[in-house]
Amino acid sequence: GINHGSNAATAAIYSGTVGAAMEGAINGIPSIAVSLDDFSRDADFSAVEELLPGVIEKLLRRIQSPDYNPDVFFNVNFPKLPASSIKGVKATRMGFAHWEREYQEYDAEMILKKKGFRAPEEHLRLIRDAQPGEEFYVMIGDFTDEPRNTSESDPRAVGEGFISVTAHSIDNSVNDE
């Protein structure tokens, strides 16, 4: 699917969208995860609509090549920009990032101001019906780029206005001898 919010950097590790693409690869289905770096509920997906077909065409040519490794799946991240402002497509490596202030007390107004979310009615009902002393937390902190990332990393490419395309593999083990 095309989801709200970037799946660049280490966000790819726990992304349901990337997980679905990995599951496809496990089952021999060429797979592509796609995300837009915008958490807003009314995000503008017009750049994705305009530019994704060209990205998919290039990836399909790669998938259909005789040397394609079926364990590979792709993670495509679009910057939050109009199509006319996107600088191009970059083949990237998965970068590094970490959460700061990851869990914050659930406050519907704070969420609305910070990320453009609209608190779902069922969340508001939980807060209204809460017992004294009951607290709610939401994962909404800041996903922070790490200095060790290079311009070849997916979060930097997206931050610089490029669509990032990162090849992942279902075998994510390393030889650490």
C-alpha atoms as a PDB file:
ATOM      1  CA  GLY A   1       0.000   0.000   0.000  1.00  0.00           C
ATOM      2  CA  ILE A   2       0.903   3.641  -0.046  1.00  0.00           C
ATOM      3  CA  ASN A   3       0.985   4.735   3.545  1.00  0.00           C
ATOM      4  CA  HIS A   4       1.119   8.034   5.357  1.00  0.00           C
ATOM      5  CA  GLY A   5       4.546   8.646   6.853  1.00  0.00           C
ATOM      6  CA  SER A   6       7.998   7.716   5.708  1.00  0.00           C
ATOM      7  CA  ASN A   7       9.318   4.174   5.936  1.00  0.00           C
ATOM      8  CA  ALA A   8      12.868   5.369   5.398  1.00  0.00           C
ATOM      9  CA  ALA A   9      15.743   4.448   7.686  1.00  0.00           C
ATOM     10  CA  THR A  10      15.110   2.113  10.581  1.00  0.00           C
ATOM     11  CA  ALA A  11      11.355   2.807  10.343  1.00  0.00           C
ATOM     12  CA  ALA A  12      11.420   0.110   7.636  1.00  0.00           C
ATOM     13  CA  ILE A  13      12.139  -2.492  10.320  1.00  0.00           C
ATOM     14  CA  TYR A  14       8.722  -2.172  11.944  1.00  0.00           C
ATOM     15  CA  SER A  15       6.662  -0.891   9.026  1.00  0.00           C
ATOM     16  CA  GLY A  16       3.593  -2.923   8.173  1.00  0.00           C
ATOM     17  CA  THR A  17       3.879  -1.769   4.554  1.00  0.00           C
ATOM     18  CA  VAL A  18       7.481  -2.950   4.277  1.00  0.00           C
ATOM     19  CA  GLY A  19       6.532  -6.120   6.183  1.00  0.00           C
ATOM     20  CA  ALA A  20       3.841  -6.863   3.595  1.00  0.00           C
ATOM     21  CA  ALA A  21       6.382  -6.417   0.792  1.00  0.00           C
ATOM     22  CA  MET A  22       8.759  -8.755   2.600  1.00  0.00           C
ATOM     23  CA  GLU A  23       5.975 -11.320   2.976  1.00  0.00           C
ATOM     24  CA  GLY A  24       5.350 -11.077  -0.757  1.00  0.00           C
ATOM     25  CA  ALA A  25       9.035 -11.731  -1.461  1.00  0.00           C
ATOM     26  CA  ILE A  26       9.011 -14.700   0.928  1.00  0.00           C
ATOM     27  CA  ASN A  27       6.198 -16.131  -1.186  1.00  0.00           C
ATOM     28  CA  GLY A  28       7.973 -15.460  -4.485  1.00  0.00           C
ATOM     29  CA  ILE A  29       5.889 -12.395  -5.377  1.00  0.00           C
ATOM     30  CA  PRO A  30       7.883  -9.360  -6.562  1.00  0.00           C
ATOM     31  CA  SER A  31       6.923  -6.644  -4.073  1.00  0.00           C
ATOM     32  CA  ILE A  32       7.202  -2.897  -3.606  1.00  0.00           C
ATOM     33  CA  ALA A  33       6.364  -0.910  -0.459  1.00  0.00           C
ATOM     34  CA  VAL A  34       5.440   2.739  -1.085  1.00  0.00           C
ATOM     35  CA  SER A  35       5.209   5.580   1.422  1.00  0.00           C
ATOM     36  CA  LEU A  36       4.700   9.343   1.422  1.00  0.00           C
ATOM     37  CA  ASP A  37       6.591  11.358   4.044  1.00  0.00           C
ATOM     38  CA  ASP A  38       3.413  13.039   5.293  1.00  0.00           C
ATOM     39  CA  PHE A  39       1.416  11.967   8.355  1.00  0.00           C
ATOM     40  CA  SER A  40      -1.461  14.309   7.623  1.00  0.00           C
ATOM     41  CA  ARG A  41      -4.789  12.587   7.232  1.00  0.00           C
ATOM     42  CA  ASP A  42      -5.493  14.759   4.180  1.00  0.00           C
ATOM     43  CA  ALA A  43      -2.016  14.328   2.681  1.00  0.00           C
ATOM     44  CA  ASP A  44      -1.603  15.251  -0.973  1.00  0.00           C
ATOM     45  CA  PHE A  45      -0.771  12.045  -2.860  1.00  0.00           C
ATOM     46  CA  SER A  46      -0.809  13.705  -6.297  1.00  0.00           C
ATOM     47  CA  ALA A  47       3.004  13.480  -6.695  1.00  0.00           C
ATOM     48  CA  VAL A  48       2.827   9.759  -5.918  1.00  0.00           C
ATOM     49  CA  GLU A  49      -0.011   9.358  -8.403  1.00  0.00           C
ATOM     50  CA  GLU A  50       1.954  11.190 -11.083  1.00  0.00           C
ATOM     51  CA  LEU A  51       5.451   9.748 -10.548  1.00  0.00           C
ATOM     52  CA  LEU A  52       4.981   6.251  -9.112  1.00  0.00           C
ATOM     53  CA  PRO A  53       4.065   4.609 -12.458  1.00  0.00           C
ATOM     54  CA  GLY A  54       7.491   5.556 -13.880  1.00  0.00           C
ATOM     55  CA  VAL A  55       9.255   4.220 -10.770  1.00  0.00           C
ATOM     56  CA  ILE A  56       7.296   0.965 -10.989  1.00  0.00           C
ATOM     57  CA  GLU A  57       8.131   0.585 -14.699  1.00  0.00           C
ATOM     58  CA  LYS A  58      11.859   0.799 -13.913  1.00  0.00           C
ATOM     59  CA  LEU A  59      11.546  -1.645 -11.022  1.00  0.00           C
ATOM     60  CA  LEU A  60       9.546  -4.087 -13.159  1.00  0.00           C
ATOM     61  CA  ARG A  61      12.339  -4.061 -15.767  1.00  0.00           C
ATOM     62  CA  ARG A  62      14.795  -4.917 -12.997  1.00  0.00           C
ATOM     63  CA  ILE A  63      12.519  -7.629 -11.581  1.00  0.00           C
ATOM     64  CA  GLN A  64      12.150  -9.169 -15.052  1.00  0.00           C
ATOM     65  CA  SER A  65      15.895  -9.274 -15.686  1.00  0.00           C
ATOM     66  CA  PRO A  66      17.532 -12.737 -15.611  1.00  0.00           C
ATOM     67  CA  ASP A  67      19.872 -11.771 -12.749  1.00  0.00           C
ATOM     68  CA  TYR A  68      17.072 -10.585 -10.414  1.00  0.00           C
ATOM     69  CA  ASN A  69      17.277 -12.098  -6.919  1.00  0.00           C
ATOM     70  CA  PRO A  70      13.731 -13.096  -5.864  1.00  0.00           C
ATOM     71  CA  ASP A  71      14.650 -12.471  -2.208  1.00  0.00           C
ATOM     72  CA  VAL A  72      14.788  -8.736  -2.987  1.00  0.00           C
ATOM     73  CA  PHE A  73      11.876  -6.371  -2.470  1.00  0.00           C
ATOM     74  CA  PHE A  74      11.785  -2.601  -2.733  1.00  0.00           C
ATOM     75  CA  ASN A  75      10.963   0.239  -0.359  1.00  0.00           C
ATOM     76  CA  VAL A  76       9.992   3.474  -2.157  1.00  0.00           C
ATOM     77  CA  ASN A  77       9.672   6.697  -0.150  1.00  0.00           C
ATOM     78  CA  PHE A  78       8.277   9.939  -1.576  1.00  0.00           C
ATOM     79  CA  PRO A  79       9.093  13.334  -0.097  1.00  0.00           C
ATOM     80  CA  LYS A  80       6.274  15.636   0.959  1.00  0.00           C
ATOM     81  CA  LEU A  81       6.576  17.815  -2.147  1.00  0.00           C
ATOM     82  CA  PRO A  82       4.575  18.569  -5.280  1.00  0.00           C
ATOM     83  CA  ALA A  83       5.716  16.525  -8.290  1.00  0.00           C
ATOM     84  CA  SER A  84       7.249  19.606  -9.924  1.00  0.00           C
ATOM     85  CA  SER A  85       9.579  20.072  -6.925  1.00  0.00           C
ATOM     86  CA  ILE A  86      10.819  16.479  -6.707  1.00  0.00           C
ATOM     87  CA  LYS A  87      14.421  16.355  -7.931  1.00  0.00           C
ATOM     88  CA  GLY A  88      14.344  12.782  -9.251  1.00  0.00           C
ATOM     89  CA  VAL A  89      14.713   9.195  -8.091  1.00  0.00           C
ATOM     90  CA  LYS A  90      17.715   7.937  -6.120  1.00  0.00           C
ATOM     91  CA  ALA A  91      18.770   4.367  -5.455  1.00  0.00           C
ATOM     92  CA  THR A  92      19.527   4.427  -1.725  1.00  0.00           C
ATOM     93  CA  ARG A  93      20.635   2.347   1.223  1.00  0.00           C
ATOM     94  CA  MET A  94      18.608   2.019   4.397  1.00  0.00           C
ATOM     95  CA  GLY A  95      19.723   4.785   6.692  1.00  0.00           C
ATOM     96  CA  PHE A  96      19.692   5.152  10.449  1.00  0.00           C
ATOM     97  CA  ALA A  97      17.350   7.112  12.666  1.00  0.00           C
ATOM     98  CA  HIS A  98      16.051   6.954  16.203  1.00  0.00           C
ATOM     99  CA  TRP A  99      13.032   8.155  18.124  1.00  0.00           C
ATOM    100  CA  GLU A 100      13.185  11.028  20.578  1.00  0.00           C
ATOM    101  CA  ARG A 101      10.288  11.641  22.952  1.00  0.00           C
ATOM    102  CA  GLU A 102       8.815   8.501  21.404  1.00  0.00           C
ATOM    103  CA  TYR A 103       5.869   8.050  23.734  1.00  0.00           C
ATOM    104  CA  GLN A 104       3.933  11.066  24.868  1.00  0.00           C
ATOM    105  CA  GLU A 105       0.853  11.346  26.989  1.00  0.00           C
ATOM    106  CA  TYR A 106      -2.154  11.126  24.685  1.00  0.00           C
ATOM    107  CA  ASP A 107      -3.641  14.551  24.192  1.00  0.00           C
ATOM    108  CA  ALA A 108      -5.866  14.856  21.141  1.00  0.00           C
ATOM    109  CA  GLU A 109      -5.174  18.594  20.753  1.00  0.00           C
ATOM    110  CA  MET A 110      -1.378  18.057  20.890  1.00  0.00           C
ATOM    111  CA  ILE A 111      -1.593  15.364  18.242  1.00  0.00           C
ATOM    112  CA  LEU A 112      -3.717  17.574  16.018  1.00  0.00           C
ATOM    113  CA  LYS A 113      -1.181  20.425  16.247  1.00  0.00           C
ATOM    114  CA  LYS A 114       1.972  18.286  15.975  1.00  0.00           C
ATOM    115  CA  LYS A 115       1.268  15.898  13.121  1.00  0.00           C
ATOM    116  CA  GLY A 116      -2.026  16.960  11.587  1.00  0.00           C
ATOM    117  CA  PHE A 117      -3.762  13.856  12.929  1.00  0.00           C
ATOM    118  CA  ARG A 118      -7.415  13.898  13.769  1.00  0.00           C
ATOM    119  CA  ALA A 119      -7.986  11.907  16.912  1.00  0.00           C
ATOM    120  CA  PRO A 120     -10.304   8.993  16.101  1.00  0.00           C
ATOM    121  CA  GLU A 121     -13.657   9.178  17.882  1.00  0.00           C
ATOM    122  CA  GLU A 122     -12.971   5.905  19.717  1.00  0.00           C
ATOM    123  CA  HIS A 123      -9.782   7.430  21.188  1.00  0.00           C
ATOM    124  CA  LEU A 124     -11.657  10.516  22.339  1.00  0.00           C
ATOM    125  CA  ARG A 125     -14.315   8.262  23.896  1.00  0.00           C
ATOM    126  CA  LEU A 126     -11.616   6.335  25.806  1.00  0.00           C
ATOM    127  CA  ILE A 127     -10.205   9.594  27.167  1.00  0.00           C
ATOM    128  CA  ARG A 128     -13.659  10.938  28.102  1.00  0.00           C
ATOM    129  CA  ASP A 129     -14.577   7.671  29.843  1.00  0.00           C
ATOM    130  CA  ALA A 130     -11.216   7.206  31.571  1.00  0.00           C
ATOM    131  CA  GLN A 131     -11.120   6.434  35.282  1.00  0.00           C
ATOM    132  CA  PRO A 132      -9.301   8.903  37.567  1.00  0.00           C
ATOM    133  CA  GLY A 133      -5.545   8.354  37.287  1.00  0.00           C
ATOM    134  CA  GLU A 134      -5.807   6.444  33.998  1.00  0.00           C
ATOM    135  CA  GLU A 135      -3.255   7.685  31.458  1.00  0.00           C
ATOM    136  CA  PHE A 136      -2.963   7.163  27.711  1.00  0.00           C
ATOM    137  CA  TYR A 137       0.220   7.384  25.642  1.00  0.00           C
ATOM    138  CA  VAL A 138       0.779   7.622  21.925  1.00  0.00           C
ATOM    139  CA  MET A 139       3.864   6.936  19.833  1.00  0.00           C
ATOM    140  CA  ILE A 140       4.262  10.310  18.172  1.00  0.00           C
ATOM    141  CA  GLY A 141       7.733  11.605  19.006  1.00  0.00           C
ATOM    142  CA  ASP A 142      10.320  12.829  16.543  1.00  0.00           C
ATOM    143  CA  PHE A 143      12.032  10.365  14.212  1.00  0.00           C
ATOM    144  CA  THR A 144      15.505  11.850  14.086  1.00  0.00           C
ATOM    145  CA  ASP A 145      18.047  11.380  11.299  1.00  0.00           C
ATOM    146  CA  GLU A 146      21.448  10.226  12.556  1.00  0.00           C
ATOM    147  CA  PRO A 147      24.693  11.981  11.587  1.00  0.00           C
ATOM    148  CA  ARG A 148      26.250   8.772  10.208  1.00  0.00           C
ATOM    149  CA  ASN A 149      23.810   8.821   7.271  1.00  0.00           C
ATOM    150  CA  THR A 150      25.249   9.792   3.925  1.00  0.00           C
ATOM    151  CA  SER A 151      23.483  11.317   0.924  1.00  0.00           C
ATOM    152  CA  GLU A 152      23.048   7.716  -0.307  1.00  0.00           C
ATOM    153  CA  SER A 153      20.788   6.920   2.664  1.00  0.00           C
ATOM    154  CA  ASP A 154      17.038   6.924   2.209  1.00  0.00           C
ATOM    155  CA  PRO A 155      16.162   9.570   4.838  1.00  0.00           C
ATOM    156  CA  ARG A 156      18.729  12.006   3.432  1.00  0.00           C
ATOM    157  CA  ALA A 157      17.562  11.477  -0.145  1.00  0.00           C
ATOM    158  CA  VAL A 158      13.933  12.089   0.846  1.00  0.00           C
ATOM    159  CA  GLY A 159      14.999  15.117   2.914  1.00  0.00           C
ATOM    160  CA  GLU A 160      16.847  16.496  -0.118  1.00  0.00           C
ATOM    161  CA  GLY A 161      13.732  16.195  -2.297  1.00  0.00           C
ATOM    162  CA  PHE A 162      14.336  12.863  -4.034  1.00  0.00           C
ATOM    163  CA  ILE A 163      12.199   9.757  -4.249  1.00  0.00           C
ATOM    164  CA  SER A 164      14.262   7.041  -2.572  1.00  0.00           C
ATOM    165  CA  VAL A 165      14.255   3.442  -3.777  1.00  0.00           C
ATOM    166  CA  THR A 166      15.906   1.002  -1.400  1.00  0.00           C
ATOM    167  CA  ALA A 167      16.386  -2.672  -2.240  1.00  0.00           C
ATOM    168  CA  HIS A 168      15.874  -4.904   0.797  1.00  0.00           C
ATOM    169  CA  SER A 169      16.303  -8.648   1.135  1.00  0.00           C
ATOM    170  CA  ILE A 170      14.413 -11.239   3.137  1.00  0.00           C
ATOM    171  CA  ASP A 171      17.862 -12.412   4.300  1.00  0.00           C
ATOM    172  CA  ASN A 172      18.933  -9.615   6.598  1.00  0.00           C
ATOM    173  CA  SER A 173      21.625 -11.604   8.386  1.00  0.00           C
ATOM    174  CA  VAL A 174      25.270 -10.525   8.336  1.00  0.00           C
ATOM    175  CA  ASN A 175      28.554 -12.367   8.650  1.00  0.00           C
ATOM    176  CA  ASP A 176      30.062 -10.917  11.817  1.00  0.00           C
ATOM    177  CA  GLU A 177      33.236 -12.970  12.146  1.00  0.00           C
END
